[in-house]
Amino acid sequence: MKIAVFTDVHGNRFALEAVLKEIELEKPDLILNLGDGVWGSADPMGAWRLQQSCGALEVRGNTDEYVMAEPDSLEGSKSYTQWLQAQLTPQVAEHLRTVPVNRTALEGQILATHGTPNDPWTAFFNESYQQQLGRLAPYPGVKVVLVGHTHNELLEVQDGITRVNVGAVSRQKDGDPWARWVLLEQKGTRFNVTFRRVEYDVEAAVRWILEHYPNGEREAAQLRSGRA
């Protein structure tokens, strides 16, 4: 059983195209998308179409909730939200309202969420192990927990539970601009986790941003540098 997992696309069609090409080569049985799909400036509608066409099961991220909000309610982000909503069709926000904050797979062995199982705004790995166990109490059969949100790759195993921070498709923080995803493989009763990094055409993404988003210099610099 192969499961491909990606998260935090942040509207970067160019990075997601490269990730999906690699995923296709692996022929996974299931694809999971852990949210934050369109809040970004490198062709967010194109990124959305790719996410919908790849057949992934989705969970809702924190910035997906921004997309659902009224621009006037987002202090400091009104102009960007208006630009983004003009790029997207109304169906995007309508769809995101139907997306759950967590999903289980393989008869409850896998739990997928963006932040924590009931809150996409809270980083799972920023909590203590005991707090994490408390979050997982409603999921007694879980063996693998998959999260996003912090844009960091991380793997921890304890008490038979594998906890994975998948890393982001876009907006890296560690100085490496390559896109990230995870391949999860079930081997009997165990799961192997492989972190993948994918080169993509950063300059094409930068050109799209500078041509279409009026104040895109900051995000363009972030994509080039791989640093938030």
Protein backbone atom coordinates (compact mmCIF):
# COMPACT_ATOMS: atom_id res chain seq x y z
CA MET A 1 0.00 0.00 0.00
CA LYS A 2 1.45 3.36 -1.09
CA ILE A 3 0.14 6.71 0.09
CA ALA A 4 1.41 10.03 -1.29
CA VAL A 5 1.00 13.05 0.96
CA PHE A 6 1.46 16.74 0.19
CA THR A 7 0.52 19.92 1.98
CA ASP A 8 0.90 23.71 1.95
CA VAL A 9 0.80 24.27 -1.80
CA HIS A 10 0.05 27.94 -1.14
CA GLY A 11 -1.17 28.63 -4.65
CA ASN A 12 2.09 27.59 -6.32
CA ARG A 13 1.07 25.74 -9.48
CA PHE A 14 4.66 25.36 -10.64
CA ALA A 15 5.83 23.57 -7.49
CA LEU A 16 2.76 21.35 -7.38
CA GLU A 17 3.16 20.31 -11.02
CA ALA A 18 6.64 18.97 -10.21
CA VAL A 19 5.40 17.16 -7.10
CA LEU A 20 2.48 15.52 -8.91
CA LYS A 21 4.78 14.29 -11.69
CA GLU A 22 6.88 12.46 -9.10
CA ILE A 23 3.81 11.15 -7.33
CA GLU A 24 2.44 9.79 -10.59
CA LEU A 25 5.61 7.74 -11.09
CA GLU A 26 5.05 6.03 -7.74
CA LYS A 27 1.49 4.98 -8.68
CA PRO A 28 0.12 5.45 -5.15
CA ASP A 29 -3.06 3.79 -3.97
CA LEU A 30 -4.12 7.00 -2.20
CA ILE A 31 -3.17 10.70 -2.27
CA LEU A 32 -3.72 12.98 0.72
CA ASN A 33 -3.71 16.79 0.59
CA LEU A 34 -3.31 18.36 4.03
CA GLY A 35 -4.55 21.85 3.15
CA ASP A 36 -3.44 25.45 2.64
CA GLY A 37 -3.92 24.96 -1.06
CA VAL A 38 -4.46 28.39 -2.64
CA TRP A 39 -3.32 31.17 -0.27
CA GLY A 40 -0.39 32.28 -2.43
CA SER A 41 0.47 34.15 -5.62
CA ALA A 42 2.03 31.78 -8.18
CA ASP A 43 -1.15 30.97 -10.14
CA PRO A 44 -3.50 29.98 -7.29
CA MET A 45 -6.35 29.01 -9.62
CA GLY A 46 -4.01 26.78 -11.61
CA ALA A 47 -2.83 25.21 -8.36
CA TRP A 48 -6.43 24.65 -7.33
CA ARG A 49 -7.29 22.89 -10.58
CA LEU A 50 -4.33 20.57 -10.16
CA GLN A 51 -5.36 19.71 -6.63
CA GLN A 52 -8.86 18.87 -7.75
CA SER A 53 -7.73 16.83 -10.74
CA CYS A 54 -5.25 14.59 -8.88
CA GLY A 55 -7.95 12.81 -6.90
CA ALA A 56 -6.54 13.59 -3.45
CA LEU A 57 -8.54 13.35 -0.27
CA GLU A 58 -8.37 16.79 1.37
CA VAL A 59 -8.35 18.28 4.81
CA ARG A 60 -8.79 21.99 5.49
CA GLY A 61 -5.83 24.20 6.38
CA ASN A 62 -5.81 27.45 8.32
CA THR A 63 -5.32 29.70 5.28
CA ASP A 64 -8.13 27.86 3.52
CA GLU A 65 -10.33 29.52 6.13
CA TYR A 66 -8.99 32.90 4.99
CA VAL A 67 -10.28 32.10 1.50
CA MET A 68 -13.72 31.48 2.96
CA ALA A 69 -13.74 34.79 4.88
CA GLU A 70 -14.92 38.26 3.90
CA PRO A 71 -11.94 40.50 2.97
CA ASP A 72 -12.97 43.20 5.48
CA SER A 73 -12.65 40.67 8.31
CA LEU A 74 -8.95 40.00 7.63
CA GLU A 75 -6.98 42.79 9.22
CA GLY A 76 -3.85 43.57 7.22
CA SER A 77 -4.75 41.19 4.39
CA LYS A 78 -7.72 42.90 2.76
CA SER A 79 -6.02 43.93 -0.50
CA TYR A 80 -4.39 40.53 -0.97
CA THR A 81 -7.63 38.69 -0.18
CA GLN A 82 -9.49 40.77 -2.74
CA TRP A 83 -6.83 39.98 -5.35
CA LEU A 84 -6.89 36.27 -4.51
CA GLN A 85 -10.66 36.01 -4.57
CA ALA A 86 -10.63 37.69 -7.98
CA GLN A 87 -8.26 34.95 -9.19
CA LEU A 88 -10.46 32.14 -7.87
CA THR A 89 -13.93 31.08 -8.89
CA PRO A 90 -16.65 31.26 -6.20
CA GLN A 91 -16.76 27.48 -6.20
CA VAL A 92 -13.36 27.32 -4.46
CA ALA A 93 -14.63 28.87 -1.21
CA GLU A 94 -17.85 26.87 -1.47
CA HIS A 95 -15.85 23.66 -1.76
CA LEU A 96 -13.50 24.51 1.11
CA ARG A 97 -16.48 24.95 3.42
CA THR A 98 -17.26 21.26 2.89
CA VAL A 99 -13.72 20.01 3.56
CA PRO A 100 -13.18 18.45 7.03
CA VAL A 101 -10.32 19.40 9.36
CA ASN A 102 -9.20 15.77 9.58
CA ARG A 103 -9.62 12.43 7.86
CA THR A 104 -8.81 8.85 8.71
CA ALA A 105 -7.71 6.15 6.28
CA LEU A 106 -6.89 2.43 6.30
CA GLU A 107 -9.61 1.67 8.84
CA GLY A 108 -8.36 4.34 11.25
CA GLN A 109 -4.67 3.48 11.12
CA ILE A 110 -3.84 6.82 9.47
CA LEU A 111 -4.96 10.22 10.72
CA ALA A 112 -4.46 13.18 8.37
CA THR A 113 -4.86 16.78 9.49
CA HIS A 114 -3.29 20.18 8.90
CA GLY A 115 -2.51 21.38 12.41
CA THR A 116 -4.15 19.27 15.11
CA PRO A 117 -7.11 16.94 14.57
CA ASN A 118 -9.63 19.60 15.59
CA ASP A 119 -7.79 22.87 14.89
CA PRO A 120 -5.88 23.75 11.69
CA TRP A 121 -4.35 26.80 13.39
CA THR A 122 -2.46 24.93 16.11
CA ALA A 123 0.84 23.21 15.28
CA PHE A 124 0.77 19.58 16.43
CA PHE A 125 4.52 19.34 16.98
CA ASN A 126 4.59 22.51 19.08
CA GLU A 127 2.70 20.65 21.78
CA SER A 128 4.13 18.25 24.34
CA TYR A 129 3.93 14.52 23.75
CA GLN A 130 1.26 14.21 26.44
CA GLN A 131 -0.78 16.93 24.76
CA GLN A 132 -0.41 15.11 21.45
CA LEU A 133 -1.64 11.88 23.02
CA GLY A 134 -4.64 13.76 24.35
CA ARG A 135 -5.42 14.95 20.82
CA LEU A 136 -5.18 11.35 19.58
CA ALA A 137 -7.37 9.81 22.28
CA PRO A 138 -10.49 9.81 20.03
CA TYR A 139 -8.54 7.75 17.45
CA PRO A 140 -7.51 4.59 19.34
CA GLY A 141 -6.41 2.64 16.28
CA VAL A 142 -4.11 5.27 14.83
CA LYS A 143 -0.60 4.22 13.84
CA VAL A 144 0.44 7.19 11.65
CA VAL A 145 -0.36 10.87 12.16
CA LEU A 146 0.25 13.17 9.17
CA VAL A 147 0.32 16.95 9.63
CA GLY A 148 1.45 20.10 7.82
CA HIS A 149 1.19 23.79 8.81
CA THR A 150 4.73 24.53 10.03
CA HIS A 151 6.51 23.89 6.67
CA ASN A 152 9.07 21.71 8.47
CA GLU A 153 9.90 18.07 7.78
CA LEU A 154 9.89 16.02 10.96
CA LEU A 155 9.50 12.37 11.97
CA GLU A 156 8.99 11.04 15.49
CA VAL A 157 8.05 7.52 16.58
CA GLN A 158 6.95 6.65 20.10
CA ASP A 159 4.68 4.02 21.64
CA GLY A 160 3.97 2.55 18.23
CA ILE A 161 2.69 5.82 16.75
CA THR A 162 4.57 7.41 13.84
CA ARG A 163 4.07 11.18 13.74
CA VAL A 164 5.05 12.99 10.52
CA ASN A 165 5.24 16.66 9.65
CA VAL A 166 5.19 16.38 5.87
CA GLY A 167 6.92 19.60 4.85
CA ALA A 168 5.53 22.10 2.36
CA VAL A 169 5.12 22.12 -1.39
CA SER A 170 5.81 25.89 -1.37
CA ARG A 171 7.15 28.68 0.86
CA GLN A 172 10.11 26.84 2.40
CA LYS A 173 11.89 28.05 5.52
CA ASP A 174 15.24 26.24 5.50
CA GLY A 175 17.00 27.88 2.55
CA ASP A 176 16.20 25.10 0.06
CA PRO A 177 13.44 26.18 -2.37
CA TRP A 178 12.67 22.67 -3.65
CA ALA A 179 9.11 21.39 -3.16
CA ARG A 180 8.40 18.67 -0.57
CA TRP A 181 6.10 15.66 -0.22
CA VAL A 182 6.05 12.32 1.60
CA LEU A 183 5.69 8.73 0.42
CA LEU A 184 4.13 6.47 3.04
CA GLU A 185 4.40 2.73 2.40
CA GLN A 186 2.68 0.03 4.42
CA LYS A 187 4.84 -3.06 4.96
CA GLY A 188 2.78 -5.61 6.87
CA THR A 189 1.91 -3.99 10.19
CA ARG A 190 4.52 -1.23 9.80
CA PHE A 191 4.81 1.95 7.77
CA ASN A 192 7.90 3.36 6.05
CA VAL A 193 8.16 7.14 5.63
CA THR A 194 10.23 8.70 2.84
CA PHE A 195 10.66 12.47 2.64
CA ARG A 196 10.94 13.66 -0.94
CA ARG A 197 12.31 16.94 -2.32
CA VAL A 198 11.58 17.98 -5.88
CA GLU A 199 13.25 20.64 -8.01
CA TYR A 200 10.87 22.90 -9.90
CA ASP A 201 11.04 25.98 -12.11
CA VAL A 202 11.21 28.66 -9.42
CA GLU A 203 11.91 31.41 -11.95
CA ALA A 204 8.72 30.55 -13.88
CA ALA A 205 6.77 30.88 -10.62
CA VAL A 206 8.50 34.18 -9.90
CA ARG A 207 7.65 35.53 -13.35
CA TRP A 208 3.99 34.62 -12.89
CA ILE A 209 3.90 36.40 -9.53
CA LEU A 210 5.57 39.57 -10.81
CA GLU A 211 3.32 39.71 -13.87
CA HIS A 212 0.03 39.13 -12.06
CA TYR A 213 0.31 40.19 -8.42
CA PRO A 214 0.90 43.93 -7.92
CA ASN A 215 3.05 43.54 -4.79
CA GLY A 216 4.72 40.23 -5.49
CA GLU A 217 8.35 41.09 -4.78
CA ARG A 218 8.24 39.68 -1.25
CA GLU A 219 6.84 36.30 -2.23
CA ALA A 220 9.11 36.15 -5.28
CA ALA A 221 12.12 36.64 -2.98
CA GLN A 222 10.79 33.99 -0.60
CA LEU A 223 10.42 31.39 -3.35
CA ARG A 224 13.89 32.12 -4.70
CA SER A 225 15.61 31.99 -1.32
CA GLY A 226 13.62 29.18 0.25
CA ARG A 227 13.30 31.27 3.38
CA ALA A 228 10.12 32.67 4.89
